[in-house]
Amino acid sequence: MHSTKSMPKHVDYRPLRSPSTNRPQHCPQSRRGSRNYPLIHRFRLSGSARAQTMRMVGHMNAPNRSMTSTIANAGTARHTTVSPSVPPVLFTKDLPGPLSLSRLETFGTIRKFDESAGYWNEHASTLYGRAMIVSTVAPFGTVACALTAAWVWLGGPDFPRTIDVISTSHFRSTSAGRHIRVFRRVTSPEHIIRLGNLPVTTPQRTACDLVMGMDDAPDPSAINTLVCRLMTAYSFRASECLQIIKEHRHHKHAGRARIFFESLQRESEPALGQCA
């Protein structure tokens, strides 16, 4: 007689699909310890079930997104997606040809310094964008001041004709077609603020520098307007400027600057809003 081997009791020989419910059934453990997975069946979801499924997928993906963000912030991610940034200043060497700069200016994308460089109008519309532009063309290790600092704080359609900086060095070469005008003035650390990579004088100190340097200004009335706009935009009073001038009373134009701000102080300072 042939002996018949008895099958293990834990093996379930039921079909993988039940005829009554037409649903996938749990697959039993095989003899070798591996699991036999049934085929993935397609079935329709009702509206509420689909919404619930989407919520589940969203909850499962949320930790992955946060984890990816955490890893990227920690600097340990192997693959990171970096969106290309628009440079604040565009040079002709970065373009296919010399006429490309003029073409971009015609489109209103940039505003030219000269025939060799131009800055993006999009950057010039924000405070930090203007600071990026000046930090690109200003010499390293200098502090933007006077008319250049006023352009950073207030903006405007035209970039200043000179790049005004505080430095102990002398610069003979030009930058982006602009001469570098150096002011050798003692500046306290509290009168300098950093906007991104650009050290720049505060609005109060900028106003004082404008008044004390009006000898080189082509239009003194334009300087008066700039000072009024700075005081209005950044809400400081003439008394703050007088304190700065007092600390630099040995400057050759300190007396003139004191008279200027004292006259503003005697007037109604709230009326300075008319200068904006």
Protein backbone atom coordinates (compact mmCIF):
# COMPACT_ATOMS: atom_id res chain seq x y z
CA MET A 1 0.00 0.00 0.00
CA HIS A 2 1.09 3.48 -0.74
CA SER A 3 1.28 5.76 2.28
CA THR A 4 -0.38 9.08 1.87
CA LYS A 5 1.32 12.01 3.52
CA SER A 6 -0.99 14.04 5.65
CA MET A 7 -0.89 17.77 4.95
CA PRO A 8 -0.11 20.19 7.82
CA LYS A 9 -3.15 21.49 9.57
CA HIS A 10 -2.04 25.12 9.37
CA VAL A 11 -2.21 25.19 5.56
CA ASP A 12 -5.42 26.70 4.22
CA TYR A 13 -6.47 25.44 0.78
CA ARG A 14 -9.35 27.83 0.31
CA PRO A 15 -9.32 29.86 -2.93
CA LEU A 16 -7.75 33.26 -2.85
CA ARG A 17 -11.01 34.87 -3.97
CA SER A 18 -14.27 34.16 -2.27
CA PRO A 19 -17.14 33.59 -4.76
CA SER A 20 -19.67 35.27 -2.50
CA THR A 21 -17.85 38.48 -1.64
CA ASN A 22 -15.45 38.63 -4.59
CA ARG A 23 -12.76 40.05 -2.26
CA PRO A 24 -9.14 39.03 -1.93
CA GLN A 25 -8.52 36.68 0.96
CA HIS A 26 -5.54 36.40 3.24
CA CYS A 27 -2.84 34.27 1.71
CA PRO A 28 -1.56 31.47 3.96
CA GLN A 29 2.02 30.82 4.93
CA SER A 30 3.74 28.39 2.57
CA ARG A 31 5.69 25.36 3.59
CA ARG A 32 9.09 27.08 3.07
CA GLY A 33 8.16 30.03 5.24
CA SER A 34 7.71 32.55 2.42
CA ARG A 35 4.45 34.39 1.89
CA ASN A 36 2.54 34.05 -1.37
CA TYR A 37 0.94 37.40 -2.17
CA PRO A 38 -2.25 37.48 -4.22
CA LEU A 39 -2.60 39.66 -7.28
CA ILE A 40 -3.55 43.30 -6.78
CA HIS A 41 -7.20 43.65 -7.72
CA ARG A 42 -8.71 46.79 -9.17
CA PHE A 43 -11.95 47.93 -7.66
CA ARG A 44 -13.96 51.12 -7.67
CA LEU A 45 -14.16 53.46 -4.73
CA SER A 46 -17.14 55.49 -3.79
CA GLY A 47 -16.80 59.23 -3.31
CA SER A 48 -16.40 59.04 0.45
CA ALA A 49 -13.98 56.14 0.23
CA ARG A 50 -11.88 57.97 -2.34
CA ALA A 51 -11.73 61.05 -0.13
CA GLN A 52 -10.73 58.92 2.84
CA THR A 53 -8.03 57.23 0.76
CA MET A 54 -6.65 60.58 -0.34
CA ARG A 55 -6.53 61.75 3.27
CA MET A 56 -4.63 58.63 4.22
CA VAL A 57 -2.15 59.18 1.39
CA GLY A 58 -1.71 62.77 2.50
CA HIS A 59 -1.01 61.70 6.08
CA MET A 60 1.51 59.14 4.90
CA ASN A 61 3.29 61.64 2.66
CA ALA A 62 3.38 64.43 5.22
CA PRO A 63 6.07 62.85 7.41
CA ASN A 64 8.12 62.14 4.33
CA ARG A 65 7.96 65.78 3.27
CA SER A 66 8.89 67.01 6.73
CA MET A 67 11.70 64.49 6.94
CA THR A 68 13.03 65.59 3.56
CA SER A 69 12.88 69.22 4.67
CA THR A 70 14.64 68.40 7.93
CA ILE A 71 17.38 66.47 6.17
CA ALA A 72 17.82 69.22 3.60
CA ASN A 73 18.03 71.87 6.30
CA ALA A 74 20.59 69.79 8.17
CA GLY A 75 22.69 69.64 5.04
CA THR A 76 22.83 65.84 5.01
CA ALA A 77 20.68 65.20 1.95
CA ARG A 78 22.50 63.68 -0.98
CA HIS A 79 20.20 65.07 -3.64
CA THR A 80 18.72 68.54 -3.23
CA THR A 81 16.71 70.56 -5.70
CA VAL A 82 17.99 74.14 -5.90
CA SER A 83 16.03 76.62 -7.97
CA PRO A 84 18.26 78.86 -10.09
CA SER A 85 18.58 82.36 -8.65
CA VAL A 86 18.54 85.52 -10.72
CA PRO A 87 21.83 87.42 -10.36
CA PRO A 88 21.42 91.01 -9.14
CA VAL A 89 23.87 92.33 -11.75
CA LEU A 90 24.25 90.93 -15.26
CA PHE A 91 27.46 91.44 -17.21
CA THR A 92 27.95 91.17 -20.97
CA LYS A 93 30.38 88.29 -20.43
CA ASP A 94 27.43 86.28 -19.09
CA LEU A 95 25.41 86.81 -22.29
CA PRO A 96 25.67 85.40 -25.81
CA GLY A 97 26.62 88.72 -27.34
CA PRO A 98 27.15 92.44 -26.62
CA LEU A 99 23.72 93.39 -27.95
CA SER A 100 21.91 91.11 -25.50
CA LEU A 101 22.21 93.67 -22.69
CA SER A 102 20.53 96.36 -24.78
CA ARG A 103 17.83 93.91 -25.82
CA LEU A 104 17.06 93.07 -22.20
CA GLU A 105 16.86 96.78 -21.37
CA THR A 106 14.42 97.27 -24.26
CA PHE A 107 12.23 94.53 -22.79
CA GLY A 108 12.33 96.28 -19.39
CA THR A 109 14.09 93.38 -17.70
CA ILE A 110 17.23 95.23 -16.68
CA ARG A 111 18.53 98.77 -16.35
CA LYS A 112 22.03 99.33 -17.65
CA PHE A 113 24.90 100.79 -15.66
CA ASP A 114 26.82 101.14 -18.90
CA GLU A 115 27.47 98.99 -21.96
CA SER A 116 29.14 96.29 -19.87
CA ALA A 117 26.65 95.65 -17.03
CA GLY A 118 23.11 96.17 -15.85
CA TYR A 119 20.97 95.36 -12.82
CA TRP A 120 17.63 93.57 -12.74
CA ASN A 121 14.59 95.81 -12.24
CA GLU A 122 12.99 93.09 -10.14
CA HIS A 123 15.78 93.34 -7.58
CA ALA A 124 15.73 97.13 -7.61
CA SER A 125 12.13 97.14 -6.40
CA THR A 126 12.97 95.77 -2.92
CA LEU A 127 15.26 96.90 -0.12
CA TYR A 128 17.28 93.71 0.06
CA GLY A 129 17.39 93.49 -3.74
CA ARG A 130 19.00 96.94 -3.92
CA ALA A 131 21.45 95.90 -1.21
CA MET A 132 22.41 92.88 -3.33
CA ILE A 133 22.99 95.12 -6.34
CA VAL A 134 25.24 97.53 -4.43
CA SER A 135 27.16 94.72 -2.72
CA THR A 136 27.99 93.33 -6.18
CA VAL A 137 29.47 96.56 -7.55
CA ALA A 138 30.90 98.15 -4.38
CA PRO A 139 34.50 97.32 -3.41
CA PHE A 140 34.96 94.62 -0.81
CA GLY A 141 35.43 95.79 2.77
CA THR A 142 33.73 99.17 2.29
CA VAL A 143 30.56 100.67 3.75
CA ALA A 144 27.96 102.14 1.41
CA CYS A 145 27.11 105.71 2.37
CA ALA A 146 25.76 109.06 1.12
CA LEU A 147 23.89 108.89 -2.21
CA THR A 148 24.49 105.16 -2.65
CA ALA A 149 23.08 104.41 0.81
CA ALA A 150 20.12 106.70 0.10
CA TRP A 151 19.37 104.69 -3.06
CA VAL A 152 19.49 101.48 -1.05
CA TRP A 153 17.05 102.82 1.55
CA LEU A 154 14.68 104.63 -0.81
CA GLY A 155 15.17 103.18 -4.28
CA GLY A 156 14.51 105.18 -7.40
CA PRO A 157 14.55 104.85 -11.16
CA ASP A 158 18.18 105.94 -11.55
CA PHE A 159 21.23 104.44 -9.89
CA PRO A 160 23.58 107.14 -8.48
CA ARG A 161 26.31 108.37 -10.80
CA THR A 162 28.98 107.44 -8.24
CA ILE A 163 29.41 104.60 -5.77
CA ASP A 164 29.85 106.30 -2.41
CA VAL A 165 31.69 104.27 0.22
CA ILE A 166 33.46 104.78 3.53
CA SER A 167 36.97 103.37 3.33
CA THR A 168 40.58 104.10 4.08
CA SER A 169 41.64 102.95 0.62
CA HIS A 170 41.74 104.80 -2.68
CA PHE A 171 40.15 103.27 -5.77
CA ARG A 172 41.26 104.50 -9.19
CA SER A 173 39.35 101.98 -11.27
CA THR A 174 35.64 102.15 -11.96
CA SER A 175 33.01 99.55 -11.15
CA ALA A 176 30.12 98.94 -13.54
CA GLY A 177 30.95 102.25 -15.21
CA ARG A 178 30.73 104.21 -11.94
CA HIS A 179 33.53 106.07 -10.21
CA ILE A 180 34.07 105.07 -6.59
CA ARG A 181 33.88 108.10 -4.31
CA VAL A 182 35.60 107.46 -0.99
CA PHE A 183 34.72 109.21 2.28
CA ARG A 184 37.29 108.89 5.05
CA ARG A 185 34.98 109.49 7.96
CA VAL A 186 34.99 108.02 11.43
CA THR A 187 31.87 105.92 11.72
CA SER A 188 30.62 104.36 14.94
CA PRO A 189 29.51 100.72 14.76
CA GLU A 190 25.99 101.70 15.81
CA HIS A 191 25.72 103.84 12.65
CA ILE A 192 26.29 100.83 10.36
CA ILE A 193 23.79 98.12 9.59
CA ARG A 194 24.24 95.03 7.44
CA LEU A 195 21.66 94.22 4.78
CA GLY A 196 22.59 90.77 3.53
CA ASN A 197 26.24 91.09 2.50
CA LEU A 198 26.21 94.89 2.34
CA PRO A 199 27.37 97.11 5.20
CA VAL A 200 25.49 100.37 4.85
CA THR A 201 25.02 103.45 6.99
CA THR A 202 21.75 103.75 8.89
CA PRO A 203 19.07 106.12 7.55
CA GLN A 204 19.95 108.66 10.25
CA ARG A 205 23.65 108.59 9.46
CA THR A 206 22.89 108.63 5.72
CA ALA A 207 20.88 111.83 6.17
CA CYS A 208 23.77 113.44 8.05
CA ASP A 209 26.29 112.41 5.38
CA LEU A 210 24.09 113.87 2.66
CA VAL A 211 23.88 117.24 4.37
CA MET A 212 27.57 117.36 5.28
CA GLY A 213 28.58 116.48 1.71
CA MET A 214 26.37 118.90 -0.23
CA ASP A 215 29.40 120.63 -1.78
CA ASP A 216 29.62 117.88 -4.38
CA ALA A 217 25.88 117.71 -4.95
CA PRO A 218 24.73 119.02 -8.35
CA ASP A 219 21.36 120.07 -6.91
CA PRO A 220 21.19 120.93 -3.17
CA SER A 221 17.39 120.98 -3.29
CA ALA A 222 17.46 117.31 -4.34
CA ILE A 223 19.53 116.56 -1.23
CA ASN A 224 16.95 118.32 0.93
CA THR A 225 14.24 116.19 -0.66
CA LEU A 226 16.22 112.99 -0.03
CA VAL A 227 16.68 113.89 3.64
CA CYS A 228 12.97 114.61 4.02
CA ARG A 229 12.09 111.30 2.38
CA LEU A 230 14.48 109.39 4.64
CA MET A 231 13.00 111.02 7.76
CA THR A 232 9.48 110.25 6.60
CA ALA A 233 10.10 106.69 5.43
CA TYR A 234 12.04 105.57 8.51
CA SER A 235 10.35 107.77 11.13
CA PHE A 236 13.31 109.46 12.76
CA ARG A 237 13.56 113.03 13.97
CA ALA A 238 16.03 115.84 13.47
CA SER A 239 17.14 115.48 17.10
CA GLU A 240 18.67 112.08 16.27
CA CYS A 241 20.68 113.62 13.46
CA LEU A 242 21.78 116.47 15.71
CA GLN A 243 23.15 113.93 18.17
CA ILE A 244 25.19 112.28 15.40
CA ILE A 245 26.52 115.66 14.27
CA LYS A 246 27.46 116.46 17.85
CA GLU A 247 29.59 113.31 17.92
CA HIS A 248 31.33 114.49 14.71
CA ARG A 249 31.49 118.21 15.49
CA HIS A 250 35.04 118.44 14.09
CA HIS A 251 33.83 117.79 10.56
CA LYS A 252 34.30 120.86 8.37
CA HIS A 253 30.58 120.94 7.46
CA ALA A 254 29.25 120.00 10.90
CA GLY A 255 28.13 123.60 11.54
CA ARG A 256 26.12 123.77 8.34
CA ALA A 257 24.53 120.40 9.04
CA ARG A 258 23.59 121.50 12.56
CA ILE A 259 21.89 124.62 11.22
CA PHE A 260 20.01 122.52 8.65
CA PHE A 261 18.58 120.05 11.17
CA GLU A 262 17.89 122.76 13.76
CA SER A 263 15.76 124.53 11.17
CA LEU A 264 13.87 121.30 10.58
CA GLN A 265 13.45 120.86 14.30
CA ARG A 266 11.98 124.33 14.69
CA GLU A 267 9.47 123.59 11.98
CA SER A 268 6.70 121.13 12.60
CA GLU A 269 8.36 117.79 11.96
CA PRO A 270 5.06 116.01 11.26
CA ALA A 271 4.85 118.24 8.18
CA LEU A 272 7.84 116.39 6.75
CA GLY A 273 5.38 113.93 5.24
CA GLN A 274 4.81 116.51 2.53
CA CYS A 275 8.37 115.88 1.30
CA ALA A 276 7.68 112.21 0.49
